[in-house]
Amino acid sequence: MVNDTLTCSRSIPIVRAAAAILIMVSVWGIVGCAAEQKYQVEYEPPSSFLLGPEDVLTVTVWRNQDLSREVVVRPDGMISMPLIGDVPAAGVSTDVLAKRIAERLVEYMGNPTVSVQVKEVKSYYIYVVGEVTKPGKYPLQSYATVLQGISLANGFTPFASKNKMHVVRMVRNGTGRMEEVRIPVGYDDLVAGKSKVGNFILRSGDTIVVP
């Protein structure tokens, strides 16, 4: 009986330790999954261009020259139009913006026909910093991938830790606030097609960091 009691008392700490390890492993797994779900990557460009600050637009209201004009998307994402004032433009396509303007103009004219065209793309840009030949900001006219971003910076310097490269991106979290996430993109795995995230499309404002 004494031996059985000693055996049980000794096994209790072992059981507790094993339970603690299982809990820690479970927590790490949850954290790992949460970290992976913080960002999403795309491998194809969006089907339609989404407007952003500094884009130059031509707004045409059919048979109304006074309302037709060239406008610039402001830093707050709005454009200013006669009669209707500010209209949200950032983050939507030209078709959606034209519909918004037409809906607002109904108050002043019957069945307005509105078209919106992008005259100059200025909202899409990326940064490449660190051990690259030409670090800096790169305004682009079309969507670029990670590898294309590196080529824009003329490749790496001799001191680059290219397999520790990552992309810094700002995303909106569950509370609606912006937060920074870092997407690891080791260069050798990327070129060999073994990268977990692949050669994804960069979003405007993304920063490629080469330590």
Protein backbone atom coordinates (compact mmCIF):
# COMPACT_ATOMS: atom_id res chain seq x y z
CA MET A 1 0.00 0.00 0.00
CA VAL A 2 2.83 2.39 0.84
CA ASN A 3 4.58 1.63 -2.44
CA ASP A 4 1.37 2.23 -4.40
CA THR A 5 0.91 5.58 -2.63
CA LEU A 6 4.48 6.64 -3.44
CA THR A 7 4.06 5.61 -7.06
CA CYS A 8 0.88 7.65 -7.39
CA SER A 9 2.38 10.70 -5.69
CA ARG A 10 5.39 10.57 -8.00
CA SER A 11 3.25 10.17 -11.12
CA ILE A 12 1.14 13.25 -10.36
CA PRO A 13 3.91 15.78 -11.22
CA ILE A 14 4.67 13.80 -14.40
CA VAL A 15 1.01 13.91 -15.44
CA ARG A 16 0.83 17.61 -14.66
CA ALA A 17 3.99 18.27 -16.68
CA ALA A 18 2.64 16.32 -19.63
CA ALA A 19 -0.64 18.23 -19.46
CA ALA A 20 1.26 21.54 -19.35
CA ILE A 21 3.26 20.56 -22.44
CA LEU A 22 0.08 19.61 -24.30
CA ILE A 23 -1.49 22.95 -23.39
CA MET A 24 1.61 24.83 -24.58
CA VAL A 25 1.66 22.92 -27.87
CA SER A 26 -2.04 23.65 -28.37
CA VAL A 27 -1.52 27.36 -27.66
CA TRP A 28 1.43 27.52 -30.07
CA GLY A 29 -0.72 25.85 -32.71
CA ILE A 30 -3.50 28.39 -32.21
CA VAL A 31 -1.06 31.30 -32.32
CA GLY A 32 0.55 29.86 -35.45
CA CYS A 33 -2.80 29.51 -37.19
CA ALA A 34 -3.79 33.03 -36.14
CA ALA A 35 -0.52 34.41 -37.49
CA GLU A 36 -1.09 32.69 -40.84
CA GLN A 37 -4.61 34.08 -41.06
CA LYS A 38 -3.53 37.68 -40.43
CA TYR A 39 -2.75 38.21 -44.08
CA GLN A 40 -3.93 36.97 -47.44
CA VAL A 41 -1.91 36.95 -50.63
CA GLU A 42 -3.14 37.06 -54.22
CA TYR A 43 -1.47 35.56 -57.28
CA GLU A 44 -3.58 37.28 -59.94
CA PRO A 45 -4.22 41.03 -60.34
CA PRO A 46 -7.73 42.25 -59.45
CA SER A 47 -10.18 42.06 -62.34
CA SER A 48 -10.72 45.82 -62.12
CA PHE A 49 -8.43 48.59 -60.91
CA LEU A 50 -9.38 50.00 -57.52
CA LEU A 51 -8.94 53.75 -57.19
CA GLY A 52 -6.72 55.33 -54.57
CA PRO A 53 -5.32 58.68 -53.39
CA GLU A 54 -3.60 60.84 -56.02
CA ASP A 55 -5.21 59.05 -58.98
CA VAL A 56 -6.27 61.55 -61.66
CA LEU A 57 -9.78 60.93 -63.03
CA THR A 58 -11.89 62.29 -65.85
CA VAL A 59 -15.56 62.47 -64.85
CA THR A 60 -17.97 62.98 -67.75
CA VAL A 61 -21.64 63.80 -67.23
CA TRP A 62 -23.37 63.33 -70.57
CA ARG A 63 -24.63 66.58 -72.09
CA ASN A 64 -23.41 68.64 -69.17
CA GLN A 65 -20.03 70.27 -69.58
CA ASP A 66 -20.39 72.25 -66.35
CA LEU A 67 -20.45 69.07 -64.28
CA SER A 68 -17.84 67.20 -66.32
CA ARG A 69 -14.29 67.71 -65.10
CA GLU A 70 -10.90 66.30 -64.19
CA VAL A 71 -10.54 65.47 -60.51
CA VAL A 72 -7.85 64.06 -58.21
CA VAL A 73 -8.59 61.54 -55.46
CA ARG A 74 -7.62 63.28 -52.23
CA PRO A 75 -5.57 61.67 -49.41
CA ASP A 76 -8.83 61.06 -47.53
CA GLY A 77 -10.12 59.02 -50.48
CA MET A 78 -12.71 61.57 -51.64
CA ILE A 79 -13.25 63.57 -54.81
CA SER A 80 -15.07 66.90 -55.03
CA MET A 81 -17.87 67.44 -57.55
CA PRO A 82 -20.12 70.42 -58.30
CA LEU A 83 -23.59 70.35 -56.71
CA ILE A 84 -23.08 67.07 -54.84
CA GLY A 85 -19.85 67.87 -52.97
CA ASP A 86 -17.55 65.11 -51.74
CA VAL A 87 -17.93 61.56 -53.06
CA PRO A 88 -15.99 58.52 -51.69
CA ALA A 89 -13.71 57.22 -54.46
CA ALA A 90 -10.86 55.23 -52.90
CA GLY A 91 -11.13 51.46 -52.88
CA VAL A 92 -13.75 51.17 -55.63
CA SER A 93 -13.67 50.75 -59.41
CA THR A 94 -14.49 53.48 -61.91
CA ASP A 95 -17.88 51.85 -62.61
CA VAL A 96 -18.85 51.95 -58.94
CA LEU A 97 -17.76 55.57 -58.62
CA ALA A 98 -19.73 56.56 -61.73
CA LYS A 99 -22.82 54.92 -60.24
CA ARG A 100 -22.31 56.79 -56.94
CA ILE A 101 -22.06 60.13 -58.73
CA ALA A 102 -25.13 59.40 -60.87
CA GLU A 103 -27.19 58.45 -57.80
CA ARG A 104 -26.26 61.73 -56.12
CA LEU A 105 -27.05 63.77 -59.26
CA VAL A 106 -30.60 62.37 -59.54
CA GLU A 107 -31.64 65.06 -57.07
CA TYR A 108 -30.64 67.74 -59.58
CA MET A 109 -31.27 66.17 -63.00
CA GLY A 110 -33.28 63.30 -64.44
CA ASN A 111 -31.51 60.05 -65.36
CA PRO A 112 -27.93 61.36 -65.41
CA THR A 113 -25.42 59.33 -67.43
CA VAL A 114 -21.95 59.41 -65.84
CA SER A 115 -18.67 57.83 -66.90
CA VAL A 116 -15.35 57.83 -65.06
CA GLN A 117 -11.97 57.18 -66.65
CA VAL A 118 -8.54 56.95 -65.06
CA LYS A 119 -6.27 59.53 -66.67
CA GLU A 120 -3.22 58.89 -64.49
CA VAL A 121 -2.52 56.05 -62.05
CA LYS A 122 -0.65 57.42 -59.05
CA SER A 123 -2.03 55.41 -56.14
CA TYR A 124 -0.18 52.14 -56.80
CA TYR A 125 3.35 52.11 -55.43
CA ILE A 126 5.71 49.86 -53.48
CA TYR A 127 8.86 50.34 -51.44
CA VAL A 128 12.03 48.27 -51.59
CA VAL A 129 14.48 48.90 -48.75
CA GLY A 130 17.60 47.38 -47.22
CA GLU A 131 20.40 45.57 -49.05
CA VAL A 132 19.30 46.24 -52.62
CA THR A 133 21.11 48.21 -55.31
CA LYS A 134 18.46 50.92 -55.67
CA PRO A 135 16.27 51.20 -52.54
CA GLY A 136 13.33 53.57 -52.68
CA LYS A 137 9.71 54.17 -53.54
CA TYR A 138 8.48 52.81 -56.89
CA PRO A 139 5.27 54.26 -58.37
CA LEU A 140 3.89 51.72 -60.85
CA GLN A 141 1.34 51.73 -63.65
CA SER A 142 0.56 48.02 -63.29
CA TYR A 143 0.55 45.38 -60.56
CA ALA A 144 3.90 43.81 -59.62
CA THR A 145 4.97 40.61 -57.88
CA VAL A 146 7.65 40.22 -55.20
CA LEU A 147 10.28 39.13 -57.73
CA GLN A 148 9.39 42.03 -60.02
CA GLY A 149 9.78 44.38 -57.07
CA ILE A 150 13.31 43.10 -56.46
CA SER A 151 14.15 43.53 -60.14
CA LEU A 152 12.96 47.15 -60.02
CA ALA A 153 15.57 47.75 -57.31
CA ASN A 154 18.27 46.18 -59.54
CA GLY A 155 18.74 43.15 -57.31
CA PHE A 156 20.69 42.59 -54.11
CA THR A 157 23.94 43.97 -52.75
CA PRO A 158 26.75 41.51 -51.86
CA PHE A 159 25.77 41.85 -48.19
CA ALA A 160 22.11 40.93 -48.58
CA SER A 161 20.56 38.19 -46.45
CA LYS A 162 18.13 37.48 -49.26
CA ASN A 163 16.70 34.37 -47.63
CA LYS A 164 15.55 36.48 -44.69
CA MET A 165 13.63 38.83 -46.95
CA HIS A 166 10.06 39.73 -45.99
CA VAL A 167 7.21 41.97 -47.10
CA VAL A 168 5.78 44.44 -44.61
CA ARG A 169 2.07 45.08 -45.14
CA MET A 170 -0.54 47.11 -43.29
CA VAL A 171 -3.85 45.27 -42.84
CA ARG A 172 -7.07 46.03 -41.01
CA ASN A 173 -7.63 43.77 -37.99
CA GLY A 174 -10.87 42.53 -36.48
CA THR A 175 -11.41 45.79 -34.60
CA GLY A 176 -11.06 47.89 -37.74
CA ARG A 177 -7.63 49.22 -36.84
CA MET A 178 -4.60 49.02 -39.10
CA GLU A 179 -1.77 46.77 -37.98
CA GLU A 180 1.54 45.67 -39.47
CA VAL A 181 2.17 42.11 -40.61
CA ARG A 182 5.39 40.63 -41.97
CA ILE A 183 5.21 38.04 -44.73
CA PRO A 184 8.40 35.91 -45.00
CA VAL A 185 9.58 35.39 -48.59
CA GLY A 186 12.99 33.72 -48.69
CA TYR A 187 14.48 34.44 -52.10
CA ASP A 188 16.00 31.02 -52.90
CA ASP A 189 12.75 29.20 -52.07
CA LEU A 190 10.82 31.78 -54.06
CA VAL A 191 12.95 31.25 -57.18
CA ALA A 192 12.90 27.45 -56.75
CA GLY A 193 9.11 27.42 -56.40
CA LYS A 194 9.32 26.09 -52.84
CA SER A 195 8.12 29.19 -51.00
CA LYS A 196 5.10 28.70 -48.73
CA VAL A 197 3.54 31.95 -49.91
CA GLY A 198 4.84 32.01 -53.49
CA ASN A 199 5.49 34.94 -55.81
CA PHE A 200 2.39 36.92 -54.85
CA ILE A 201 1.04 40.24 -56.12
CA LEU A 202 2.14 43.23 -54.06
CA ARG A 203 -0.49 45.61 -52.73
CA SER A 204 -0.07 49.34 -52.86
CA GLY A 205 2.09 50.47 -49.94
CA ASP A 206 3.78 47.09 -49.45
CA THR A 207 7.45 47.29 -48.44
CA ILE A 208 9.98 44.63 -49.48
CA VAL A 209 12.63 44.50 -46.74
CA VAL A 210 15.99 42.88 -47.51
CA PRO A 211 18.15 42.69 -44.35
